[in-house]
Amino acid sequence: MRVSQRRFEELARQQQGQLSPPTFASIGPIRRKHSLRDFAIIGFGLTLAVLVAGGVLGYVNVRHLATNEQQVAHTREVILKLEALLSTVKDAETGAAGLPARSG
């Protein structure tokens, strides 16, 4: 067992000698300097995205508002017609109550 452990340690030392630890040069450039033009392009893109998203949301909200206004107007029209019908029924009941019963 000790022989195999020594052999393992020897192989590990040999491999450590062959493999060099990674360096920044071997990984490649980590940082890139951005120019003012790059930031301007990114800023313009973000601004454009926000404006487009705002425009789309605004359009959707205006459409929902128009639909809601139509539904409110229709509901008011139905309520007015129901009130007129109820008034007519009450008038008919009141008028019928004042008349003598017809004999047949």
PDB file of N, CA and C in Angstrom:
ATOM      1  N   MET A   1       0.831  -1.179   0.000  1.00  0.00           N
ATOM      2  CA  MET A   1       0.000   0.000   0.000  1.00  0.00           C
ATOM      3  C   MET A   1       0.881   1.249   0.000  1.00  0.00           C
ATOM      4  N   ARG A   2       1.960   1.198   0.781  1.00  0.00           N
ATOM      5  CA  ARG A   2       2.853   2.337   0.803  1.00  0.00           C
ATOM      6  C   ARG A   2       3.530   2.544  -0.535  1.00  0.00           C
ATOM      7  N   VAL A   3       3.802   1.450  -1.224  1.00  0.00           N
ATOM      8  CA  VAL A   3       4.429   1.552  -2.542  1.00  0.00           C
ATOM      9  C   VAL A   3       3.486   2.245  -3.508  1.00  0.00           C
ATOM     10  N   SER A   4       2.236   1.887  -3.481  1.00  0.00           N
ATOM     11  CA  SER A   4       1.279   2.520  -4.391  1.00  0.00           C
ATOM     12  C   SER A   4       1.068   3.985  -4.020  1.00  0.00           C
ATOM     13  N   GLN A   5       1.115   4.307  -2.740  1.00  0.00           N
ATOM     14  CA  GLN A   5       0.955   5.707  -2.333  1.00  0.00           C
ATOM     15  C   GLN A   5       2.146   6.525  -2.800  1.00  0.00           C
ATOM     16  N   ARG A   6       3.391   5.956  -2.662  1.00  0.00           N
ATOM     17  CA  ARG A   6       4.577   6.666  -3.152  1.00  0.00           C
ATOM     18  C   ARG A   6       4.518   6.846  -4.656  1.00  0.00           C
ATOM     19  N   ARG A   7       4.063   5.817  -5.334  1.00  0.00           N
ATOM     20  CA  ARG A   7       3.956   5.891  -6.806  1.00  0.00           C
ATOM     21  C   ARG A   7       2.957   6.978  -7.199  1.00  0.00           C
ATOM     22  N   PHE A   8       1.850   7.039  -6.478  1.00  0.00           N
ATOM     23  CA  PHE A   8       0.824   8.058  -6.751  1.00  0.00           C
ATOM     24  C   PHE A   8       1.382   9.461  -6.517  1.00  0.00           C
ATOM     25  N   GLU A   9       2.110   9.629  -5.421  1.00  0.00           N
ATOM     26  CA  GLU A   9       2.695  10.940  -5.124  1.00  0.00           C
ATOM     27  C   GLU A   9       3.724  11.332  -6.175  1.00  0.00           C
ATOM     28  N   GLU A  10       4.499  10.369  -6.637  1.00  0.00           N
ATOM     29  CA  GLU A  10       5.499  10.648  -7.666  1.00  0.00           C
ATOM     30  C   GLU A  10       4.829  11.064  -8.973  1.00  0.00           C
ATOM     31  N   LEU A  11       3.767  10.355  -9.366  1.00  0.00           N
ATOM     32  CA  LEU A  11       3.034  10.726 -10.584  1.00  0.00           C
ATOM     33  C   LEU A  11       2.400  12.109 -10.443  1.00  0.00           C
ATOM     34  N   ALA A  12       1.898  12.417  -9.268  1.00  0.00           N
ATOM     35  CA  ALA A  12       1.280  13.730  -9.044  1.00  0.00           C
ATOM     36  C   ALA A  12       2.315  14.837  -9.182  1.00  0.00           C
ATOM     37  N   ARG A  13       3.545  14.622  -8.629  1.00  0.00           N
ATOM     38  CA  ARG A  13       4.609  15.628  -8.757  1.00  0.00           C
ATOM     39  C   ARG A  13       5.005  15.796 -10.208  1.00  0.00           C
ATOM     40  N   GLN A  14       5.075  14.719 -10.971  1.00  0.00           N
ATOM     41  CA  GLN A  14       5.452  14.801 -12.382  1.00  0.00           C
ATOM     42  C   GLN A  14       4.408  15.591 -13.170  1.00  0.00           C
ATOM     43  N   GLN A  15       3.153  15.310 -12.885  1.00  0.00           N
ATOM     44  CA  GLN A  15       2.088  16.012 -13.608  1.00  0.00           C
ATOM     45  C   GLN A  15       2.047  17.483 -13.227  1.00  0.00           C
ATOM     46  N   GLN A  16       2.329  17.802 -11.981  1.00  0.00           N
ATOM     47  CA  GLN A  16       2.363  19.209 -11.573  1.00  0.00           C
ATOM     48  C   GLN A  16       3.474  19.943 -12.298  1.00  0.00           C
ATOM     49  N   GLY A  17       4.558  19.273 -12.544  1.00  0.00           N
ATOM     50  CA  GLY A  17       5.656  19.902 -13.269  1.00  0.00           C
ATOM     51  C   GLY A  17       5.304  20.141 -14.727  1.00  0.00           C
ATOM     52  N   GLN A  18       4.514  19.256 -15.301  1.00  0.00           N
ATOM     53  CA  GLN A  18       4.140  19.388 -16.709  1.00  0.00           C
ATOM     54  C   GLN A  18       3.043  20.427 -16.913  1.00  0.00           C
ATOM     55  N   LEU A  19       2.138  20.531 -15.973  1.00  0.00           N
ATOM     56  CA  LEU A  19       1.018  21.451 -16.110  1.00  0.00           C
ATOM     57  C   LEU A  19       1.368  22.761 -15.415  1.00  0.00           C
ATOM     58  N   SER A  20       1.291  23.810 -16.170  1.00  0.00           N
ATOM     59  CA  SER A  20       1.531  25.106 -15.552  1.00  0.00           C
ATOM     60  C   SER A  20       0.189  25.702 -15.154  1.00  0.00           C
ATOM     61  N   PRO A  21       0.174  26.442 -14.076  1.00  0.00           N
ATOM     62  CA  PRO A  21      -1.093  27.045 -13.666  1.00  0.00           C
ATOM     63  C   PRO A  21      -1.540  28.076 -14.698  1.00  0.00           C
ATOM     64  N   PRO A  22      -2.832  28.231 -14.866  1.00  0.00           N
ATOM     65  CA  PRO A  22      -3.300  29.185 -15.867  1.00  0.00           C
ATOM     66  C   PRO A  22      -2.908  30.603 -15.478  1.00  0.00           C
ATOM     67  N   THR A  23      -2.550  31.348 -16.479  1.00  0.00           N
ATOM     68  CA  THR A  23      -2.214  32.746 -16.266  1.00  0.00           C
ATOM     69  C   THR A  23      -3.202  33.595 -17.039  1.00  0.00           C
ATOM     70  N   PHE A  24      -3.197  34.899 -16.760  1.00  0.00           N
ATOM     71  CA  PHE A  24      -4.096  35.792 -17.478  1.00  0.00           C
ATOM     72  C   PHE A  24      -3.765  35.814 -18.967  1.00  0.00           C
ATOM     73  N   ALA A  25      -2.516  35.637 -19.304  1.00  0.00           N
ATOM     74  CA  ALA A  25      -2.133  35.636 -20.718  1.00  0.00           C
ATOM     75  C   ALA A  25      -2.689  34.405 -21.416  1.00  0.00           C
ATOM     76  N   SER A  26      -2.724  33.271 -20.708  1.00  0.00           N
ATOM     77  CA  SER A  26      -3.232  32.058 -21.350  1.00  0.00           C
ATOM     78  C   SER A  26      -4.757  32.070 -21.454  1.00  0.00           C
ATOM     79  N   ILE A  27      -5.421  32.781 -20.553  1.00  0.00           N
ATOM     80  CA  ILE A  27      -6.884  32.853 -20.594  1.00  0.00           C
ATOM     81  C   ILE A  27      -7.332  33.795 -21.697  1.00  0.00           C
ATOM     82  N   GLY A  28      -6.609  34.854 -21.908  1.00  0.00           N
ATOM     83  CA  GLY A  28      -6.986  35.832 -22.920  1.00  0.00           C
ATOM     84  C   GLY A  28      -7.341  37.134 -22.244  1.00  0.00           C
ATOM     85  N   PRO A  29      -7.673  38.127 -23.043  1.00  0.00           N
ATOM     86  CA  PRO A  29      -7.969  39.432 -22.443  1.00  0.00           C
ATOM     87  C   PRO A  29      -9.239  39.364 -21.612  1.00  0.00           C
ATOM     88  N   ILE A  30      -9.151  39.801 -20.386  1.00  0.00           N
ATOM     89  CA  ILE A  30     -10.294  39.775 -19.482  1.00  0.00           C
ATOM     90  C   ILE A  30     -11.117  41.034 -19.647  1.00  0.00           C
ATOM     91  N   ARG A  31     -10.444  42.140 -19.689  1.00  0.00           N
ATOM     92  CA  ARG A  31     -11.157  43.407 -19.797  1.00  0.00           C
ATOM     93  C   ARG A  31     -10.900  44.027 -21.149  1.00  0.00           C
ATOM     94  N   ARG A  32     -11.926  44.683 -21.618  1.00  0.00           N
ATOM     95  CA  ARG A  32     -11.809  45.400 -22.880  1.00  0.00           C
ATOM     96  C   ARG A  32     -12.195  46.827 -22.598  1.00  0.00           C
ATOM     97  N   LYS A  33     -11.416  47.719 -23.099  1.00  0.00           N
ATOM     98  CA  LYS A  33     -11.748  49.121 -22.898  1.00  0.00           C
ATOM     99  C   LYS A  33     -12.857  49.492 -23.867  1.00  0.00           C
ATOM    100  N   HIS A  34     -13.905  50.072 -23.333  1.00  0.00           N
ATOM    101  CA  HIS A  34     -15.023  50.505 -24.157  1.00  0.00           C
ATOM    102  C   HIS A  34     -14.858  51.974 -24.471  1.00  0.00           C
ATOM    103  N   SER A  35     -15.181  52.314 -25.671  1.00  0.00           N
ATOM    104  CA  SER A  35     -15.083  53.712 -26.057  1.00  0.00           C
ATOM    105  C   SER A  35     -16.395  54.421 -25.740  1.00  0.00           C
ATOM    106  N   LEU A  36     -16.358  55.706 -25.795  1.00  0.00           N
ATOM    107  CA  LEU A  36     -17.563  56.504 -25.548  1.00  0.00           C
ATOM    108  C   LEU A  36     -18.628  56.179 -26.596  1.00  0.00           C
ATOM    109  N   ARG A  37     -18.207  55.845 -27.790  1.00  0.00           N
ATOM    110  CA  ARG A  37     -19.144  55.486 -28.872  1.00  0.00           C
ATOM    111  C   ARG A  37     -19.916  54.213 -28.509  1.00  0.00           C
ATOM    112  N   ASP A  38     -19.212  53.243 -27.911  1.00  0.00           N
ATOM    113  CA  ASP A  38     -19.889  52.002 -27.499  1.00  0.00           C
ATOM    114  C   ASP A  38     -20.995  52.293 -26.489  1.00  0.00           C
ATOM    115  N   PHE A  39     -20.678  53.142 -25.506  1.00  0.00           N
ATOM    116  CA  PHE A  39     -21.678  53.486 -24.503  1.00  0.00           C
ATOM    117  C   PHE A  39     -22.826  54.288 -25.106  1.00  0.00           C
ATOM    118  N   ALA A  40     -22.528  55.124 -26.072  1.00  0.00           N
ATOM    119  CA  ALA A  40     -23.583  55.908 -26.732  1.00  0.00           C
ATOM    120  C   ALA A  40     -24.529  54.988 -27.492  1.00  0.00           C
ATOM    121  N   ILE A  41     -23.971  53.999 -28.165  1.00  0.00           N
ATOM    122  CA  ILE A  41     -24.801  53.050 -28.922  1.00  0.00           C
ATOM    123  C   ILE A  41     -25.678  52.241 -27.966  1.00  0.00           C
ATOM    124  N   ILE A  42     -25.087  51.782 -26.858  1.00  0.00           N
ATOM    125  CA  ILE A  42     -25.858  51.024 -25.869  1.00  0.00           C
ATOM    126  C   ILE A  42     -26.959  51.901 -25.279  1.00  0.00           C
ATOM    127  N   GLY A  43     -26.619  53.148 -24.949  1.00  0.00           N
ATOM    128  CA  GLY A  43     -27.614  54.074 -24.391  1.00  0.00           C
ATOM    129  C   GLY A  43     -28.738  54.349 -25.362  1.00  0.00           C
ATOM    130  N   PHE A  44     -28.387  54.533 -26.642  1.00  0.00           N
ATOM    131  CA  PHE A  44     -29.413  54.777 -27.655  1.00  0.00           C
ATOM    132  C   PHE A  44     -30.322  53.566 -27.798  1.00  0.00           C
ATOM    133  N   GLY A  45     -29.734  52.384 -27.783  1.00  0.00           N
ATOM    134  CA  GLY A  45     -30.538  51.161 -27.896  1.00  0.00           C
ATOM    135  C   GLY A  45     -31.498  51.006 -26.732  1.00  0.00           C
ATOM    136  N   LEU A  46     -31.008  51.260 -25.519  1.00  0.00           N
ATOM    137  CA  LEU A  46     -31.875  51.161 -24.351  1.00  0.00           C
ATOM    138  C   LEU A  46     -32.984  52.208 -24.383  1.00  0.00           C
ATOM    139  N   THR A  47     -32.632  53.430 -24.786  1.00  0.00           N
ATOM    140  CA  THR A  47     -33.638  54.489 -24.883  1.00  0.00           C
ATOM    141  C   THR A  47     -34.704  54.115 -25.907  1.00  0.00           C
ATOM    142  N   LEU A  48     -34.278  53.614 -27.038  1.00  0.00           N
ATOM    143  CA  LEU A  48     -35.218  53.208 -28.078  1.00  0.00           C
ATOM    144  C   LEU A  48     -36.126  52.085 -27.586  1.00  0.00           C
ATOM    145  N   ALA A  49     -35.554  51.127 -26.873  1.00  0.00           N
ATOM    146  CA  ALA A  49     -36.363  50.012 -26.342  1.00  0.00           C
ATOM    147  C   ALA A  49     -37.404  50.516 -25.355  1.00  0.00           C
ATOM    148  N   VAL A  50     -37.009  51.455 -24.499  1.00  0.00           N
ATOM    149  CA  VAL A  50     -37.954  51.999 -23.520  1.00  0.00           C
ATOM    150  C   VAL A  50     -39.060  52.773 -24.219  1.00  0.00           C
ATOM    151  N   LEU A  51     -38.698  53.555 -25.232  1.00  0.00           N
ATOM    152  CA  LEU A  51     -39.713  54.328 -25.953  1.00  0.00           C
ATOM    153  C   LEU A  51     -40.692  53.427 -26.696  1.00  0.00           C
ATOM    154  N   VAL A  52     -40.181  52.398 -27.336  1.00  0.00           N
ATOM    155  CA  VAL A  52     -41.056  51.471 -28.065  1.00  0.00           C
ATOM    156  C   VAL A  52     -41.977  50.748 -27.089  1.00  0.00           C
ATOM    157  N   ALA A  53     -41.401  50.270 -25.975  1.00  0.00           N
ATOM    158  CA  ALA A  53     -42.227  49.571 -24.984  1.00  0.00           C
ATOM    159  C   ALA A  53     -43.284  50.515 -24.417  1.00  0.00           C
ATOM    160  N   GLY A  54     -42.903  51.757 -24.136  1.00  0.00           N
ATOM    161  CA  GLY A  54     -43.865  52.738 -23.626  1.00  0.00           C
ATOM    162  C   GLY A  54     -44.953  53.038 -24.631  1.00  0.00           C
ATOM    163  N   GLY A  55     -44.579  53.133 -25.898  1.00  0.00           N
ATOM    164  CA  GLY A  55     -45.567  53.385 -26.943  1.00  0.00           C
ATOM    165  C   GLY A  55     -46.550  52.246 -27.091  1.00  0.00           C
ATOM    166  N   VAL A  56     -46.042  51.041 -27.047  1.00  0.00           N
ATOM    167  CA  VAL A  56     -46.914  49.867 -27.165  1.00  0.00           C
ATOM    168  C   VAL A  56     -47.856  49.797 -25.965  1.00  0.00           C
ATOM    169  N   LEU A  57     -47.310  49.999 -24.771  1.00  0.00           N
ATOM    170  CA  LEU A  57     -48.157  49.952 -23.580  1.00  0.00           C
ATOM    171  C   LEU A  57     -49.178  51.086 -23.595  1.00  0.00           C
ATOM    172  N   GLY A  58     -48.752  52.264 -24.064  1.00  0.00           N
ATOM    173  CA  GLY A  58     -49.692  53.377 -24.152  1.00  0.00           C
ATOM    174  C   GLY A  58     -50.815  53.078 -25.122  1.00  0.00           C
ATOM    175  N   TYR A  59     -50.492  52.491 -26.265  1.00  0.00           N
ATOM    176  CA  TYR A  59     -51.501  52.144 -27.263  1.00  0.00           C
ATOM    177  C   TYR A  59     -52.482  51.125 -26.688  1.00  0.00           C
ATOM    178  N   VAL A  60     -51.954  50.121 -26.016  1.00  0.00           N
ATOM    179  CA  VAL A  60     -52.817  49.089 -25.420  1.00  0.00           C
ATOM    180  C   VAL A  60     -53.725  49.715 -24.370  1.00  0.00           C
ATOM    181  N   ASN A  61     -53.177  50.613 -23.539  1.00  0.00           N
ATOM    182  CA  ASN A  61     -53.989  51.256 -22.512  1.00  0.00           C
ATOM    183  C   ASN A  61     -55.075  52.132 -23.119  1.00  0.00           C
ATOM    184  N   VAL A  62     -54.776  52.842 -24.199  1.00  0.00           N
ATOM    185  CA  VAL A  62     -55.781  53.683 -24.860  1.00  0.00           C
ATOM    186  C   VAL A  62     -56.893  52.809 -25.438  1.00  0.00           C
ATOM    187  N   ARG A  63     -56.520  51.665 -26.018  1.00  0.00           N
ATOM    188  CA  ARG A  63     -57.545  50.755 -26.556  1.00  0.00           C
ATOM    189  C   ARG A  63     -58.435  50.216 -25.438  1.00  0.00           C
ATOM    190  N   HIS A  64     -57.834  49.847 -24.311  1.00  0.00           N
ATOM    191  CA  HIS A  64     -58.629  49.359 -23.182  1.00  0.00           C
ATOM    192  C   HIS A  64     -59.537  50.466 -22.654  1.00  0.00           C
ATOM    193  N   LEU A  65     -59.033  51.675 -22.600  1.00  0.00           N
ATOM    194  CA  LEU A  65     -59.829  52.800 -22.130  1.00  0.00           C
ATOM    195  C   LEU A  65     -61.023  53.028 -23.050  1.00  0.00           C
ATOM    196  N   ALA A  66     -60.796  52.983 -24.369  1.00  0.00           N
ATOM    197  CA  ALA A  66     -61.893  53.173 -25.323  1.00  0.00           C
ATOM    198  C   ALA A  66     -62.934  52.062 -25.177  1.00  0.00           C
ATOM    199  N   THR A  67     -62.470  50.835 -25.026  1.00  0.00           N
ATOM    200  CA  THR A  67     -63.392  49.710 -24.849  1.00  0.00           C
ATOM    201  C   THR A  67     -64.201  49.878 -23.565  1.00  0.00           C
ATOM    202  N   ASN A  68     -63.520  50.279 -22.493  1.00  0.00           N
ATOM    203  CA  ASN A  68     -64.225  50.481 -21.224  1.00  0.00           C
ATOM    204  C   ASN A  68     -65.250  51.604 -21.329  1.00  0.00           C
ATOM    205  N   GLU A  69     -64.908  52.673 -22.027  1.00  0.00           N
ATOM    206  CA  GLU A  69     -65.862  53.778 -22.199  1.00  0.00           C
ATOM    207  C   GLU A  69     -67.084  53.329 -22.984  1.00  0.00           C
ATOM    208  N   GLN A  70     -66.887  52.485 -23.998  1.00  0.00           N
ATOM    209  CA  GLN A  70     -68.014  51.961 -24.763  1.00  0.00           C
ATOM    210  C   GLN A  70     -68.901  51.091 -23.872  1.00  0.00           C
ATOM    211  N   GLN A  71     -68.292  50.274 -23.039  1.00  0.00           N
ATOM    212  CA  GLN A  71     -69.076  49.413 -22.149  1.00  0.00           C
ATOM    213  C   GLN A  71     -69.852  50.240 -21.122  1.00  0.00           C
ATOM    214  N   VAL A  72     -69.243  51.303 -20.609  1.00  0.00           N
ATOM    215  CA  VAL A  72     -69.923  52.166 -19.647  1.00  0.00           C
ATOM    216  C   VAL A  72     -71.101  52.866 -20.317  1.00  0.00           C
ATOM    217  N   ALA A  73     -70.884  53.375 -21.539  1.00  0.00           N
ATOM    218  CA  ALA A  73     -71.974  54.042 -22.260  1.00  0.00           C
ATOM    219  C   ALA A  73     -73.123  53.074 -22.520  1.00  0.00           C
ATOM    220  N   HIS A  74     -72.812  51.845 -22.915  1.00  0.00           N
ATOM    221  CA  HIS A  74     -73.847  50.853 -23.171  1.00  0.00           C
ATOM    222  C   HIS A  74     -74.599  50.520 -21.887  1.00  0.00           C
ATOM    223  N   THR A  75     -73.875  50.381 -20.781  1.00  0.00           N
ATOM    224  CA  THR A  75     -74.511  50.074 -19.501  1.00  0.00           C
ATOM    225  C   THR A  75     -75.456  51.193 -19.078  1.00  0.00           C
ATOM    226  N   ARG A  76     -75.021  52.437 -19.262  1.00  0.00           N
ATOM    227  CA  ARG A  76     -75.893  53.573 -18.934  1.00  0.00           C
ATOM    228  C   ARG A  76     -77.157  53.569 -19.792  1.00  0.00           C
ATOM    229  N   GLU A  77     -77.014  53.233 -21.063  1.00  0.00           N
ATOM    230  CA  GLU A  77     -78.163  53.176 -21.972  1.00  0.00           C
ATOM    231  C   GLU A  77     -79.148  52.101 -21.512  1.00  0.00           C
ATOM    232  N   VAL A  78     -78.628  50.944 -21.118  1.00  0.00           N
ATOM    233  CA  VAL A  78     -79.489  49.859 -20.640  1.00  0.00           C
ATOM    234  C   VAL A  78     -80.206  50.277 -19.363  1.00  0.00           C
ATOM    235  N   ILE A  79     -79.480  50.933 -18.446  1.00  0.00           N
ATOM    236  CA  ILE A  79     -80.095  51.386 -17.188  1.00  0.00           C
ATOM    237  C   ILE A  79     -81.207  52.389 -17.467  1.00  0.00           C
ATOM    238  N   LEU A  80     -80.984  53.323 -18.383  1.00  0.00           N
ATOM    239  CA  LEU A  80     -82.027  54.308 -18.718  1.00  0.00           C
ATOM    240  C   LEU A  80     -83.264  53.631 -19.289  1.00  0.00           C
ATOM    241  N   LYS A  81     -83.058  52.638 -20.160  1.00  0.00           N
ATOM    242  CA  LYS A  81     -84.198  51.922 -20.733  1.00  0.00           C
ATOM    243  C   LYS A  81     -84.941  51.124 -19.665  1.00  0.00           C
ATOM    244  N   LEU A  82     -84.201  50.521 -18.737  1.00  0.00           N
ATOM    245  CA  LEU A  82     -84.860  49.782 -17.658  1.00  0.00           C
ATOM    246  C   LEU A  82     -85.647  50.719 -16.744  1.00  0.00           C
ATOM    247  N   GLU A  83     -85.082  51.897 -16.440  1.00  0.00           N
ATOM    248  CA  GLU A  83     -85.795  52.867 -15.620  1.00  0.00           C
ATOM    249  C   GLU A  83     -87.065  53.347 -16.311  1.00  0.00           C
ATOM    250  N   ALA A  84     -86.984  53.553 -17.645  1.00  0.00           N
ATOM    251  CA  ALA A  84     -88.176  53.970 -18.395  1.00  0.00           C
ATOM    252  C   ALA A  84     -89.237  52.868 -18.367  1.00  0.00           C
ATOM    253  N   LEU A  85     -88.806  51.626 -18.523  1.00  0.00           N
ATOM    254  CA  LEU A  85     -89.745  50.503 -18.489  1.00  0.00           C
ATOM    255  C   LEU A  85     -90.362  50.364 -17.099  1.00  0.00           C
ATOM    256  N   LEU A  86     -89.569  50.496 -16.066  1.00  0.00           N
ATOM    257  CA  LEU A  86     -90.084  50.419 -14.704  1.00  0.00           C
ATOM    258  C   LEU A  86     -91.079  51.544 -14.441  1.00  0.00           C
ATOM    259  N   SER A  87     -90.781  52.730 -14.938  1.00  0.00           N
ATOM    260  CA  SER A  87     -91.705  53.859 -14.770  1.00  0.00           C
ATOM    261  C   SER A  87     -93.022  53.588 -15.487  1.00  0.00           C
ATOM    262  N   THR A  88     -92.937  53.024 -16.675  1.00  0.00           N
ATOM    263  CA  THR A  88     -94.152  52.695 -17.430  1.00  0.00           C
ATOM    264  C   THR A  88     -94.969  51.644 -16.688  1.00  0.00           C
ATOM    265  N   VAL A  89     -94.323  50.647 -16.142  1.00  0.00           N
ATOM    266  CA  VAL A  89     -95.029  49.601 -15.407  1.00  0.00           C
ATOM    267  C   VAL A  89     -95.692  50.184 -14.162  1.00  0.00           C
ATOM    268  N   LYS A  90     -94.976  51.063 -13.450  1.00  0.00           N
ATOM    269  CA  LYS A  90     -95.547  51.683 -12.250  1.00  0.00           C
ATOM    270  C   LYS A  90     -96.741  52.557 -12.618  1.00  0.00           C
ATOM    271  N   ASP A  91     -96.611  53.309 -13.715  1.00  0.00           N
ATOM    272  CA  ASP A  91     -97.733  54.134 -14.170  1.00  0.00           C
ATOM    273  C   ASP A  91     -98.926  53.253 -14.531  1.00  0.00           C
ATOM    274  N   ALA A  92     -98.692  52.144 -15.159  1.00  0.00           N
ATOM    275  CA  ALA A  92     -99.783  51.246 -15.540  1.00  0.00           C
ATOM    276  C   ALA A  92    -100.444  50.655 -14.294  1.00  0.00           C
ATOM    277  N   GLU A  93     -99.616  50.300 -13.314  1.00  0.00           N
ATOM    278  CA  GLU A  93    -100.180  49.756 -12.071  1.00  0.00           C
ATOM    279  C   GLU A  93    -100.998  50.816 -11.336  1.00  0.00           C
ATOM    280  N   THR A  94    -100.462  52.034 -11.301  1.00  0.00           N
ATOM    281  CA  THR A  94    -101.165  53.118 -10.624  1.00  0.00           C
ATOM    282  C   THR A  94    -102.473  53.436 -11.340  1.00  0.00           C
ATOM    283  N   GLY A  95    -102.413  53.474 -12.648  1.00  0.00           N
ATOM    284  CA  GLY A  95    -103.616  53.756 -13.435  1.00  0.00           C
ATOM    285  C   GLY A  95    -104.639  52.657 -13.302  1.00  0.00           C
ATOM    286  N   ALA A  96    -104.181  51.412 -13.257  1.00  0.00           N
ATOM    287  CA  ALA A  96    -105.096  50.272 -13.143  1.00  0.00           C
ATOM    288  C   ALA A  96    -105.699  50.233 -11.761  1.00  0.00           C
ATOM    289  N   ALA A  97    -104.991  50.685 -10.775  1.00  0.00           N
ATOM    290  CA  ALA A  97    -105.507  50.650  -9.417  1.00  0.00           C
ATOM    291  C   ALA A  97    -106.621  51.685  -9.236  1.00  0.00           C
ATOM    292  N   GLY A  98    -106.594  52.760 -10.001  1.00  0.00           N
ATOM    293  CA  GLY A  98    -107.614  53.787  -9.869  1.00  0.00           C
ATOM    294  C   GLY A  98    -108.878  53.480 -10.632  1.00  0.00           C
ATOM    295  N   LEU A  99    -108.837  52.525 -11.544  1.00  0.00           N
ATOM    296  CA  LEU A  99    -110.011  52.199 -12.343  1.00  0.00           C
ATOM    297  C   LEU A  99    -110.849  51.149 -11.643  1.00  0.00           C
ATOM    298  N   PRO A 100    -112.178  51.229 -11.833  1.00  0.00           N
ATOM    299  CA  PRO A 100    -113.028  50.183 -11.262  1.00  0.00           C
ATOM    300  C   PRO A 100    -112.812  48.873 -12.000  1.00  0.00           C
ATOM    301  N   ALA A 101    -112.983  47.794 -11.325  1.00  0.00           N
ATOM    302  CA  ALA A 101    -112.805  46.481 -11.900  1.00  0.00           C
ATOM    303  C   ALA A 101    -113.866  46.256 -12.977  1.00  0.00           C
ATOM    304  N   ARG A 102    -113.471  45.675 -14.083  1.00  0.00           N
ATOM    305  CA  ARG A 102    -114.415  45.403 -15.162  1.00  0.00           C
ATOM    306  C   ARG A 102    -115.186  44.141 -14.879  1.00  0.00           C
ATOM    307  N   SER A 103    -116.415  44.218 -15.122  1.00  0.00           N
ATOM    308  CA  SER A 103    -117.204  42.995 -14.965  1.00  0.00           C
ATOM    309  C   SER A 103    -117.409  42.395 -16.342  1.00  0.00           C
ATOM    310  N   GLY A 104    -117.284  41.179 -16.406  1.00  0.00           N
ATOM    311  CA  GLY A 104    -117.290  40.492 -17.636  1.00  0.00           C
ATOM    312  C   GLY A 104    -118.462  39.997 -18.222  1.00  0.00           C
TER     313      GLY A 104
END
